[in-house]
Amino acid sequence: MLVLVLASCRGESAGVDQPEAPATAATPTASQPATTLAGSQLTDVSEKGGTVTITFTENGAAQELYGELRDNGKRKYTLDDGPVLYEIKPGDEGGFKLRNPDGSLRWKVKVYPDKIKISDNEENKNPYELKARADQRVKVVGPGDRELGNVRFAAEKIDVETADGKVIFSKRSAVPAGAYGVLLLEAIPARERYILVAELLSRGR
């Protein structure tokens, strides 16, 4: 079923393994992570008791974003022990909004059985889309249906690749997870991409 390509296991940790370097990548050094996204690298996502922890490196330094679920249903994200940087407001049918602390919109996410739409406006105009395909693949497109890349799942491994076939992120997994396609959306700042990935994983996508 198409929806399975976008799904990961509900009720379990949304943890991810350390991403693997693409086969053609140079041997990484301490200042050069194996998988680099403009100087930033996602390394782990986990959820326990409603609190999401996102571990990543930024300019060679380890960082952690914490998303704490509040009584009003919103999740507030802080960097290490700092102030609130972002909040997640849940929406209908698994959708949500990533907002600034003052409530202004950063990204709106709409979730459908066979696709996910991400836009920077309330009307969902000109969205990015993650579209499930029948070959254990999620196609990632930008506004105007411009192809950005794919998330592929095979042999218990997830690969995120650009439109020209370059693998930018890999991880071992027993289940597919289309959420990692958000890593291809370079117009979205890296920290915000990681939060979107984590929130989609927490929703079983």
N, C-alpha and C. Protein backbone atom coordinates (compact mmCIF):
# COMPACT_ATOMS: atom_id res chain seq x y z
N MET A 1 0.85 -1.20 0.00
CA MET A 1 0.00 0.00 0.00
C MET A 1 0.88 1.24 0.00
N LEU A 2 0.42 2.30 -0.72
CA LEU A 2 1.24 3.48 -0.84
C LEU A 2 1.54 4.11 0.50
N VAL A 3 0.57 4.10 1.39
CA VAL A 3 0.76 4.78 2.66
C VAL A 3 1.89 4.18 3.46
N LEU A 4 2.22 2.92 3.24
CA LEU A 4 3.29 2.28 4.00
C LEU A 4 4.63 2.90 3.70
N VAL A 5 4.80 3.45 2.51
CA VAL A 5 6.07 4.06 2.17
C VAL A 5 6.35 5.26 3.03
N LEU A 6 5.29 5.94 3.46
CA LEU A 6 5.43 7.13 4.29
C LEU A 6 5.37 6.80 5.77
N ALA A 7 5.19 5.54 6.13
CA ALA A 7 4.92 5.21 7.53
C ALA A 7 6.14 4.68 8.23
N SER A 8 6.20 4.93 9.53
CA SER A 8 7.12 4.25 10.43
C SER A 8 6.30 3.76 11.60
N CYS A 9 6.88 2.99 12.50
CA CYS A 9 6.08 2.32 13.53
C CYS A 9 5.59 3.32 14.57
N ARG A 10 4.28 3.35 14.79
CA ARG A 10 3.73 4.14 15.89
C ARG A 10 3.97 3.41 17.20
N GLY A 11 4.08 4.20 18.28
CA GLY A 11 4.20 3.60 19.60
C GLY A 11 5.61 3.21 19.95
N GLU A 12 6.55 3.28 19.00
CA GLU A 12 7.94 3.01 19.29
C GLU A 12 8.72 4.30 19.21
N SER A 13 9.95 4.26 19.70
CA SER A 13 10.79 5.43 19.60
C SER A 13 10.98 5.81 18.15
N ALA A 14 11.02 7.11 17.88
CA ALA A 14 11.28 7.58 16.52
C ALA A 14 12.76 7.72 16.29
N GLY A 15 13.56 6.97 17.01
CA GLY A 15 15.01 7.11 16.94
C GLY A 15 15.55 6.74 15.58
N VAL A 16 16.64 7.40 15.20
CA VAL A 16 17.32 7.07 13.96
C VAL A 16 18.75 6.72 14.28
N ASP A 17 19.33 5.85 13.47
CA ASP A 17 20.72 5.49 13.65
C ASP A 17 21.61 6.60 13.13
N GLN A 18 22.89 6.52 13.49
CA GLN A 18 23.86 7.46 12.93
C GLN A 18 23.84 7.34 11.42
N PRO A 19 23.62 8.45 10.68
CA PRO A 19 23.56 8.34 9.24
C PRO A 19 24.86 7.83 8.66
N GLU A 20 24.75 7.02 7.62
CA GLU A 20 25.92 6.45 6.98
C GLU A 20 26.40 7.37 5.88
N ALA A 21 27.68 7.36 5.63
CA ALA A 21 28.22 8.13 4.53
C ALA A 21 27.87 7.46 3.22
N PRO A 22 27.54 8.22 2.16
CA PRO A 22 27.36 7.63 0.86
C PRO A 22 28.60 6.87 0.44
N ALA A 23 28.43 5.84 -0.39
CA ALA A 23 29.55 4.98 -0.76
C ALA A 23 30.67 5.74 -1.44
N THR A 24 30.34 6.86 -2.13
CA THR A 24 31.36 7.59 -2.86
C THR A 24 31.97 8.73 -2.05
N ALA A 25 31.54 8.90 -0.81
CA ALA A 25 32.02 10.03 -0.01
C ALA A 25 33.44 9.79 0.48
N ALA A 26 34.16 10.90 0.69
CA ALA A 26 35.49 10.80 1.25
C ALA A 26 35.40 10.42 2.72
N THR A 27 36.47 9.88 3.27
CA THR A 27 36.49 9.52 4.67
C THR A 27 36.30 10.76 5.53
N PRO A 28 35.30 10.79 6.41
CA PRO A 28 35.03 12.01 7.18
C PRO A 28 36.09 12.25 8.24
N THR A 29 36.26 13.53 8.57
CA THR A 29 37.13 13.91 9.67
C THR A 29 36.27 14.55 10.73
N ALA A 30 36.89 14.95 11.85
CA ALA A 30 36.13 15.55 12.94
C ALA A 30 35.42 16.81 12.51
N SER A 31 36.02 17.55 11.54
CA SER A 31 35.42 18.80 11.10
C SER A 31 34.60 18.63 9.83
N GLN A 32 34.50 17.38 9.33
CA GLN A 32 33.78 17.12 8.10
C GLN A 32 32.89 15.91 8.29
N PRO A 33 31.62 16.11 8.72
CA PRO A 33 30.73 14.97 8.92
C PRO A 33 30.52 14.19 7.64
N ALA A 34 30.14 12.91 7.79
CA ALA A 34 29.96 12.05 6.63
C ALA A 34 28.85 12.56 5.73
N THR A 35 27.78 13.07 6.30
CA THR A 35 26.65 13.57 5.53
C THR A 35 26.41 15.01 5.93
N THR A 36 26.73 15.95 5.06
CA THR A 36 26.69 17.36 5.41
C THR A 36 25.58 18.08 4.67
N LEU A 37 24.80 18.86 5.38
CA LEU A 37 23.77 19.69 4.80
C LEU A 37 24.09 21.14 5.14
N ALA A 38 24.85 21.77 4.27
CA ALA A 38 25.25 23.17 4.48
C ALA A 38 25.85 23.37 5.86
N GLY A 39 26.78 22.50 6.25
CA GLY A 39 27.45 22.62 7.53
C GLY A 39 26.71 22.02 8.69
N SER A 40 25.58 21.36 8.44
CA SER A 40 24.77 20.79 9.50
C SER A 40 24.42 19.36 9.14
N GLN A 41 24.31 18.50 10.17
CA GLN A 41 24.06 17.07 9.95
C GLN A 41 23.11 16.54 11.01
N LEU A 42 22.02 15.92 10.58
CA LEU A 42 21.12 15.25 11.50
C LEU A 42 21.73 13.91 11.91
N THR A 43 21.73 13.64 13.21
CA THR A 43 22.32 12.39 13.67
C THR A 43 21.33 11.48 14.40
N ASP A 44 20.34 12.04 15.10
CA ASP A 44 19.43 11.18 15.84
C ASP A 44 18.14 11.91 16.16
N VAL A 45 17.02 11.17 16.13
CA VAL A 45 15.73 11.68 16.57
C VAL A 45 15.12 10.63 17.48
N SER A 46 14.66 11.05 18.65
CA SER A 46 14.00 10.11 19.56
C SER A 46 12.84 10.81 20.24
N GLU A 47 11.89 10.02 20.73
CA GLU A 47 10.72 10.56 21.43
C GLU A 47 10.41 9.68 22.63
N LYS A 48 10.20 10.30 23.77
CA LYS A 48 9.85 9.57 24.99
C LYS A 48 8.94 10.44 25.84
N GLY A 49 7.76 9.89 26.17
CA GLY A 49 6.83 10.63 27.02
C GLY A 49 6.40 11.96 26.45
N GLY A 50 6.33 12.05 25.11
CA GLY A 50 5.91 13.30 24.48
C GLY A 50 7.02 14.30 24.26
N THR A 51 8.24 14.01 24.75
CA THR A 51 9.38 14.89 24.55
C THR A 51 10.24 14.37 23.41
N VAL A 52 10.49 15.22 22.43
CA VAL A 52 11.31 14.87 21.28
C VAL A 52 12.72 15.42 21.49
N THR A 53 13.71 14.60 21.20
CA THR A 53 15.10 15.04 21.25
C THR A 53 15.71 14.87 19.87
N ILE A 54 16.25 15.95 19.34
CA ILE A 54 16.88 15.94 18.02
C ILE A 54 18.36 16.25 18.22
N THR A 55 19.22 15.33 17.84
CA THR A 55 20.66 15.52 17.95
C THR A 55 21.22 15.78 16.55
N PHE A 56 22.06 16.80 16.45
CA PHE A 56 22.65 17.13 15.16
C PHE A 56 23.98 17.84 15.39
N THR A 57 24.76 17.93 14.33
CA THR A 57 25.99 18.71 14.40
C THR A 57 25.80 19.95 13.55
N GLU A 58 26.40 21.04 14.02
CA GLU A 58 26.31 22.31 13.31
C GLU A 58 27.67 22.98 13.37
N ASN A 59 28.27 23.17 12.21
CA ASN A 59 29.63 23.72 12.14
C ASN A 59 30.61 22.93 13.00
N GLY A 60 30.43 21.60 13.01
CA GLY A 60 31.35 20.72 13.71
C GLY A 60 31.04 20.51 15.18
N ALA A 61 30.04 21.21 15.72
CA ALA A 61 29.71 21.10 17.14
C ALA A 61 28.40 20.35 17.32
N ALA A 62 28.34 19.49 18.33
CA ALA A 62 27.12 18.74 18.64
C ALA A 62 26.08 19.66 19.28
N GLN A 63 24.83 19.53 18.84
CA GLN A 63 23.73 20.33 19.36
C GLN A 63 22.53 19.43 19.62
N GLU A 64 21.62 19.89 20.49
CA GLU A 64 20.39 19.14 20.74
C GLU A 64 19.21 20.09 20.82
N LEU A 65 18.19 19.77 20.07
CA LEU A 65 16.91 20.46 20.16
C LEU A 65 15.96 19.60 20.98
N TYR A 66 15.28 20.21 21.95
CA TYR A 66 14.33 19.49 22.79
C TYR A 66 12.92 20.02 22.52
N GLY A 67 12.01 19.12 22.23
CA GLY A 67 10.62 19.50 22.03
C GLY A 67 9.77 18.94 23.15
N GLU A 68 9.31 19.82 24.04
CA GLU A 68 8.55 19.40 25.22
C GLU A 68 7.06 19.63 24.99
N LEU A 69 6.27 18.59 25.18
CA LEU A 69 4.82 18.68 25.01
C LEU A 69 4.20 19.39 26.20
N ARG A 70 3.40 20.42 25.93
CA ARG A 70 2.74 21.18 26.98
C ARG A 70 1.29 20.74 27.14
N ASP A 71 0.65 21.20 28.22
CA ASP A 71 -0.72 20.79 28.52
C ASP A 71 -1.71 21.22 27.45
N ASN A 72 -1.39 22.28 26.71
CA ASN A 72 -2.29 22.77 25.67
C ASN A 72 -2.14 22.02 24.35
N GLY A 73 -1.29 20.99 24.34
CA GLY A 73 -1.10 20.19 23.14
C GLY A 73 0.00 20.67 22.23
N LYS A 74 0.54 21.85 22.50
CA LYS A 74 1.64 22.37 21.69
C LYS A 74 2.96 21.79 22.19
N ARG A 75 3.92 21.69 21.27
CA ARG A 75 5.25 21.24 21.65
C ARG A 75 6.21 22.41 21.47
N LYS A 76 6.94 22.74 22.52
CA LYS A 76 7.86 23.87 22.51
C LYS A 76 9.30 23.36 22.36
N TYR A 77 10.02 23.93 21.40
CA TYR A 77 11.39 23.49 21.11
C TYR A 77 12.41 24.50 21.62
N THR A 78 13.40 23.99 22.33
CA THR A 78 14.52 24.80 22.80
C THR A 78 15.82 24.17 22.31
N LEU A 79 16.86 24.98 22.22
CA LEU A 79 18.18 24.48 21.86
C LEU A 79 18.99 24.33 23.13
N ASP A 80 19.38 23.08 23.45
CA ASP A 80 20.05 22.78 24.72
C ASP A 80 19.16 23.31 25.86
N ASP A 81 19.67 24.22 26.70
CA ASP A 81 18.86 24.74 27.81
C ASP A 81 18.44 26.19 27.58
N GLY A 82 18.38 26.59 26.31
CA GLY A 82 18.07 27.98 26.00
C GLY A 82 16.58 28.28 25.97
N PRO A 83 16.22 29.46 25.49
CA PRO A 83 14.81 29.87 25.42
C PRO A 83 14.07 29.12 24.31
N VAL A 84 12.75 29.23 24.32
CA VAL A 84 11.94 28.61 23.28
C VAL A 84 12.23 29.26 21.93
N LEU A 85 12.56 28.43 20.95
CA LEU A 85 12.87 28.91 19.60
C LEU A 85 11.71 28.69 18.64
N TYR A 86 11.00 27.57 18.82
CA TYR A 86 9.89 27.21 17.93
C TYR A 86 8.81 26.53 18.74
N GLU A 87 7.62 26.51 18.17
CA GLU A 87 6.54 25.72 18.74
C GLU A 87 5.80 24.99 17.63
N ILE A 88 5.24 23.85 17.97
CA ILE A 88 4.42 23.07 17.06
C ILE A 88 2.98 23.14 17.54
N LYS A 89 2.09 23.59 16.67
CA LYS A 89 0.67 23.60 16.96
C LYS A 89 0.01 22.49 16.14
N PRO A 90 -0.56 21.48 16.79
CA PRO A 90 -1.19 20.39 16.03
C PRO A 90 -2.41 20.86 15.27
N GLY A 91 -2.64 20.21 14.11
CA GLY A 91 -3.79 20.53 13.29
C GLY A 91 -4.67 19.31 13.07
N ASP A 92 -5.45 19.34 12.02
CA ASP A 92 -6.37 18.25 11.73
C ASP A 92 -5.66 17.09 11.03
N GLU A 93 -6.08 15.87 11.32
CA GLU A 93 -5.65 14.66 10.61
C GLU A 93 -4.13 14.52 10.55
N GLY A 94 -3.46 14.85 11.64
CA GLY A 94 -2.02 14.66 11.71
C GLY A 94 -1.20 15.83 11.21
N GLY A 95 -1.86 16.85 10.68
CA GLY A 95 -1.13 18.03 10.23
C GLY A 95 -0.69 18.89 11.41
N PHE A 96 0.12 19.88 11.13
CA PHE A 96 0.61 20.76 12.19
C PHE A 96 1.23 22.01 11.59
N LYS A 97 1.51 22.97 12.46
CA LYS A 97 2.19 24.20 12.06
C LYS A 97 3.46 24.37 12.88
N LEU A 98 4.54 24.71 12.21
CA LEU A 98 5.78 25.10 12.89
C LEU A 98 5.76 26.62 12.97
N ARG A 99 5.82 27.14 14.21
CA ARG A 99 5.67 28.57 14.41
C ARG A 99 6.83 29.14 15.23
N ASN A 100 7.01 30.44 15.10
CA ASN A 100 7.94 31.15 15.96
C ASN A 100 7.33 31.26 17.35
N PRO A 101 8.12 31.62 18.37
CA PRO A 101 7.58 31.73 19.73
C PRO A 101 6.42 32.70 19.86
N ASP A 102 6.37 33.71 18.98
CA ASP A 102 5.27 34.68 19.04
C ASP A 102 4.02 34.19 18.32
N GLY A 103 4.06 32.96 17.78
CA GLY A 103 2.90 32.39 17.12
C GLY A 103 2.85 32.62 15.62
N SER A 104 3.80 33.39 15.07
CA SER A 104 3.80 33.62 13.63
C SER A 104 4.25 32.36 12.89
N LEU A 105 3.69 32.15 11.73
CA LEU A 105 3.88 30.91 10.98
C LEU A 105 5.25 30.83 10.32
N ARG A 106 5.87 29.68 10.45
CA ARG A 106 7.06 29.35 9.67
C ARG A 106 6.67 28.39 8.55
N TRP A 107 6.07 27.24 8.93
CA TRP A 107 5.69 26.23 7.94
C TRP A 107 4.39 25.54 8.35
N LYS A 108 3.53 25.34 7.36
CA LYS A 108 2.29 24.61 7.58
C LYS A 108 2.39 23.26 6.89
N VAL A 109 2.05 22.20 7.62
CA VAL A 109 2.17 20.84 7.10
C VAL A 109 0.79 20.19 7.05
N LYS A 110 0.40 19.75 5.86
CA LYS A 110 -0.85 19.03 5.67
C LYS A 110 -0.52 17.58 5.33
N VAL A 111 -1.20 16.66 6.01
CA VAL A 111 -0.91 15.23 5.87
C VAL A 111 -2.09 14.53 5.20
N TYR A 112 -1.79 13.79 4.16
CA TYR A 112 -2.78 12.99 3.43
C TYR A 112 -2.32 11.54 3.40
N PRO A 113 -3.18 10.59 3.06
CA PRO A 113 -2.76 9.18 3.04
C PRO A 113 -1.58 8.91 2.13
N ASP A 114 -1.49 9.61 0.99
CA ASP A 114 -0.44 9.30 0.02
C ASP A 114 0.53 10.44 -0.24
N LYS A 115 0.42 11.53 0.52
CA LYS A 115 1.34 12.64 0.33
C LYS A 115 1.34 13.57 1.53
N ILE A 116 2.35 14.43 1.55
CA ILE A 116 2.49 15.45 2.58
C ILE A 116 2.79 16.76 1.88
N LYS A 117 2.10 17.85 2.29
CA LYS A 117 2.34 19.17 1.72
C LYS A 117 2.94 20.08 2.79
N ILE A 118 3.96 20.84 2.40
CA ILE A 118 4.62 21.77 3.31
C ILE A 118 4.70 23.13 2.63
N SER A 119 4.17 24.15 3.28
CA SER A 119 4.18 25.48 2.68
C SER A 119 4.45 26.53 3.74
N ASP A 120 4.75 27.75 3.29
CA ASP A 120 5.05 28.84 4.21
C ASP A 120 3.88 29.79 4.37
N ASN A 121 2.67 29.32 4.03
CA ASN A 121 1.50 30.18 4.11
C ASN A 121 0.28 29.37 4.55
N GLU A 122 -0.71 30.05 5.09
CA GLU A 122 -1.89 29.40 5.63
C GLU A 122 -2.74 28.73 4.54
N GLU A 123 -2.66 29.24 3.31
CA GLU A 123 -3.48 28.72 2.23
C GLU A 123 -2.86 27.51 1.55
N ASN A 124 -1.66 27.11 1.96
CA ASN A 124 -0.93 26.00 1.35
C ASN A 124 -0.65 26.23 -0.13
N LYS A 125 -0.43 27.49 -0.50
CA LYS A 125 -0.08 27.81 -1.89
C LYS A 125 1.38 27.45 -2.16
N ASN A 126 1.67 27.01 -3.38
CA ASN A 126 3.03 26.67 -3.82
C ASN A 126 3.76 25.78 -2.82
N PRO A 127 3.17 24.63 -2.47
CA PRO A 127 3.79 23.79 -1.44
C PRO A 127 4.92 22.92 -1.98
N TYR A 128 5.77 22.49 -1.06
CA TYR A 128 6.63 21.34 -1.31
C TYR A 128 5.78 20.10 -1.04
N GLU A 129 6.07 19.01 -1.76
CA GLU A 129 5.27 17.81 -1.56
C GLU A 129 6.16 16.56 -1.48
N LEU A 130 5.78 15.66 -0.59
CA LEU A 130 6.37 14.33 -0.48
C LEU A 130 5.29 13.35 -0.94
N LYS A 131 5.52 12.71 -2.08
CA LYS A 131 4.50 11.89 -2.71
C LYS A 131 4.90 10.41 -2.69
N ALA A 132 4.04 9.58 -2.11
CA ALA A 132 4.31 8.14 -2.06
C ALA A 132 4.18 7.54 -3.46
N ARG A 133 5.10 6.63 -3.77
CA ARG A 133 5.07 5.90 -5.02
C ARG A 133 5.05 4.40 -4.72
N ALA A 134 4.66 3.60 -5.71
CA ALA A 134 4.44 2.17 -5.48
C ALA A 134 5.72 1.37 -5.34
N ASP A 135 6.87 1.95 -5.67
CA ASP A 135 8.13 1.20 -5.66
C ASP A 135 8.96 1.48 -4.40
N GLN A 136 8.28 1.54 -3.24
CA GLN A 136 8.97 1.81 -1.96
C GLN A 136 9.78 3.09 -2.05
N ARG A 137 9.17 4.11 -2.63
CA ARG A 137 9.86 5.37 -2.87
C ARG A 137 8.93 6.53 -2.54
N VAL A 138 9.51 7.62 -2.06
CA VAL A 138 8.79 8.87 -1.88
C VAL A 138 9.46 9.91 -2.76
N LYS A 139 8.69 10.48 -3.67
CA LYS A 139 9.20 11.52 -4.57
C LYS A 139 9.02 12.87 -3.91
N VAL A 140 10.06 13.68 -3.92
CA VAL A 140 10.03 15.01 -3.29
C VAL A 140 10.06 16.05 -4.40
N VAL A 141 9.06 16.93 -4.38
CA VAL A 141 8.97 17.96 -5.42
C VAL A 141 8.78 19.33 -4.79
N GLY A 142 9.19 20.34 -5.53
CA GLY A 142 9.00 21.72 -5.11
C GLY A 142 7.83 22.34 -5.83
N PRO A 143 7.58 23.63 -5.61
CA PRO A 143 6.50 24.32 -6.30
C PRO A 143 6.62 24.15 -7.81
N GLY A 144 5.48 23.96 -8.48
CA GLY A 144 5.50 23.72 -9.91
C GLY A 144 5.88 22.31 -10.28
N ASP A 145 5.82 21.39 -9.30
CA ASP A 145 6.15 19.98 -9.50
C ASP A 145 7.60 19.80 -9.94
N ARG A 146 8.48 20.67 -9.46
CA ARG A 146 9.91 20.57 -9.77
C ARG A 146 10.53 19.46 -8.92
N GLU A 147 11.11 18.47 -9.56
CA GLU A 147 11.65 17.33 -8.83
C GLU A 147 12.91 17.72 -8.06
N LEU A 148 12.91 17.38 -6.76
CA LEU A 148 14.05 17.67 -5.89
C LEU A 148 14.83 16.41 -5.53
N GLY A 149 14.17 15.25 -5.57
CA GLY A 149 14.86 14.02 -5.22
C GLY A 149 13.89 12.95 -4.77
N ASN A 150 14.44 11.94 -4.11
CA ASN A 150 13.64 10.79 -3.68
C ASN A 150 14.13 10.25 -2.35
N VAL A 151 13.21 9.61 -1.64
CA VAL A 151 13.56 8.77 -0.49
C VAL A 151 13.31 7.33 -0.93
N ARG A 152 14.34 6.50 -0.87
CA ARG A 152 14.22 5.11 -1.30
C ARG A 152 14.41 4.18 -0.11
N PHE A 153 13.64 3.10 -0.10
CA PHE A 153 13.74 2.10 0.96
C PHE A 153 13.94 0.74 0.32
N ALA A 154 15.05 0.09 0.69
CA ALA A 154 15.35 -1.25 0.17
C ALA A 154 16.35 -1.91 1.09
N ALA A 155 16.19 -3.22 1.28
CA ALA A 155 17.12 -4.01 2.09
C ALA A 155 17.35 -3.38 3.47
N GLU A 156 16.23 -2.93 4.10
CA GLU A 156 16.26 -2.33 5.43
C GLU A 156 17.21 -1.13 5.50
N LYS A 157 17.15 -0.31 4.47
CA LYS A 157 17.98 0.89 4.42
C LYS A 157 17.21 2.02 3.76
N ILE A 158 17.29 3.21 4.34
CA ILE A 158 16.68 4.40 3.78
C ILE A 158 17.77 5.28 3.19
N ASP A 159 17.60 5.68 1.94
CA ASP A 159 18.50 6.61 1.28
C ASP A 159 17.72 7.84 0.83
N VAL A 160 18.27 9.00 1.10
CA VAL A 160 17.71 10.26 0.59
C VAL A 160 18.65 10.76 -0.49
N GLU A 161 18.12 10.93 -1.69
CA GLU A 161 18.98 11.32 -2.82
C GLU A 161 18.41 12.53 -3.54
N THR A 162 19.30 13.32 -4.11
CA THR A 162 18.90 14.49 -4.88
C THR A 162 18.37 14.04 -6.24
N ALA A 163 17.85 14.99 -7.02
CA ALA A 163 17.30 14.66 -8.33
C ALA A 163 18.34 14.08 -9.27
N ASP A 164 19.61 14.43 -9.06
CA ASP A 164 20.66 13.87 -9.91
C ASP A 164 21.30 12.62 -9.33
N GLY A 165 20.67 12.05 -8.28
CA GLY A 165 21.10 10.76 -7.76
C GLY A 165 22.14 10.79 -6.67
N LYS A 166 22.51 11.96 -6.16
CA LYS A 166 23.50 12.04 -5.09
C LYS A 166 22.84 11.74 -3.74
N VAL A 167 23.37 10.76 -3.00
CA VAL A 167 22.82 10.40 -1.70
C VAL A 167 23.35 11.37 -0.65
N ILE A 168 22.44 12.05 0.05
CA ILE A 168 22.85 13.02 1.07
C ILE A 168 22.61 12.51 2.49
N PHE A 169 21.84 11.43 2.62
CA PHE A 169 21.54 10.90 3.95
C PHE A 169 21.17 9.43 3.80
N SER A 170 21.72 8.59 4.71
CA SER A 170 21.40 7.16 4.72
C SER A 170 21.27 6.69 6.15
N LYS A 171 20.41 5.73 6.38
CA LYS A 171 20.30 5.12 7.69
C LYS A 171 19.71 3.73 7.55
N ARG A 172 20.10 2.86 8.46
CA ARG A 172 19.52 1.53 8.53
C ARG A 172 18.17 1.62 9.23
N SER A 173 17.18 0.91 8.71
CA SER A 173 15.85 0.95 9.31
C SER A 173 15.09 -0.30 8.89
N ALA A 174 14.30 -0.83 9.82
CA ALA A 174 13.46 -1.98 9.50
C ALA A 174 12.18 -1.57 8.80
N VAL A 175 11.86 -0.27 8.85
CA VAL A 175 10.63 0.24 8.23
C VAL A 175 10.94 1.48 7.40
N PRO A 176 10.14 1.73 6.36
CA PRO A 176 10.34 2.96 5.58
C PRO A 176 9.87 4.19 6.34
N ALA A 177 10.38 5.35 5.97
CA ALA A 177 9.95 6.61 6.59
C ALA A 177 10.19 7.73 5.59
N GLY A 178 9.11 8.20 4.98
CA GLY A 178 9.22 9.26 4.00
C GLY A 178 9.58 10.61 4.59
N ALA A 179 9.46 10.76 5.92
CA ALA A 179 9.73 12.04 6.58
C ALA A 179 11.10 12.59 6.24
N TYR A 180 12.07 11.70 5.99
CA TYR A 180 13.43 12.16 5.73
C TYR A 180 13.55 12.93 4.42
N GLY A 181 12.50 12.88 3.58
CA GLY A 181 12.51 13.67 2.37
C GLY A 181 12.58 15.16 2.63
N VAL A 182 12.17 15.59 3.82
CA VAL A 182 12.24 17.01 4.19
C VAL A 182 13.69 17.51 4.14
N LEU A 183 14.65 16.61 4.32
CA LEU A 183 16.06 17.02 4.27
C LEU A 183 16.45 17.59 2.92
N LEU A 184 15.68 17.31 1.88
CA LEU A 184 15.97 17.83 0.54
C LEU A 184 15.48 19.26 0.35
N LEU A 185 14.73 19.79 1.28
CA LEU A 185 14.11 21.11 1.12
C LEU A 185 15.07 22.19 1.60
N GLU A 186 16.03 22.53 0.77
CA GLU A 186 17.11 23.43 1.17
C GLU A 186 16.65 24.85 1.45
N ALA A 187 15.47 25.23 0.99
CA ALA A 187 14.95 26.56 1.28
C ALA A 187 14.54 26.69 2.75
N ILE A 188 14.37 25.56 3.42
CA ILE A 188 14.02 25.55 4.83
C ILE A 188 15.30 25.46 5.66
N PRO A 189 15.51 26.35 6.63
CA PRO A 189 16.72 26.27 7.46
C PRO A 189 16.87 24.89 8.10
N ALA A 190 18.12 24.46 8.27
CA ALA A 190 18.41 23.09 8.71
C ALA A 190 17.69 22.72 10.00
N ARG A 191 17.73 23.57 11.01
CA ARG A 191 17.08 23.24 12.29
C ARG A 191 15.59 23.02 12.10
N GLU A 192 14.98 23.83 11.26
CA GLU A 192 13.55 23.69 11.02
C GLU A 192 13.24 22.42 10.24
N ARG A 193 14.13 22.04 9.32
CA ARG A 193 13.97 20.76 8.63
C ARG A 193 13.97 19.61 9.62
N TYR A 194 14.89 19.65 10.57
CA TYR A 194 15.00 18.56 11.54
C TYR A 194 13.74 18.45 12.40
N ILE A 195 13.18 19.61 12.78
CA ILE A 195 11.95 19.58 13.57
C ILE A 195 10.81 19.00 12.74
N LEU A 196 10.71 19.39 11.48
CA LEU A 196 9.67 18.84 10.62
C LEU A 196 9.82 17.33 10.47
N VAL A 197 11.05 16.87 10.28
CA VAL A 197 11.30 15.42 10.20
C VAL A 197 10.83 14.74 11.48
N ALA A 198 11.24 15.29 12.63
CA ALA A 198 10.90 14.67 13.92
C ALA A 198 9.39 14.63 14.14
N GLU A 199 8.69 15.71 13.79
CA GLU A 199 7.25 15.75 13.99
C GLU A 199 6.53 14.77 13.07
N LEU A 200 7.00 14.63 11.85
CA LEU A 200 6.40 13.66 10.93
C LEU A 200 6.67 12.23 11.41
N LEU A 201 7.87 11.97 11.90
CA LEU A 201 8.17 10.65 12.44
C LEU A 201 7.28 10.33 13.64
N SER A 202 7.04 11.33 14.47
CA SER A 202 6.21 11.10 15.67
C SER A 202 4.77 10.80 15.29
N ARG A 203 4.40 11.16 14.06
CA ARG A 203 3.05 10.88 13.56
C ARG A 203 3.02 9.63 12.68
N GLY A 204 4.10 8.88 12.71
CA GLY A 204 4.15 7.63 11.97
C GLY A 204 4.34 7.78 10.48
N ARG A 205 4.96 8.90 10.06
CA ARG A 205 5.15 9.14 8.64
C ARG A 205 6.63 9.08 8.25
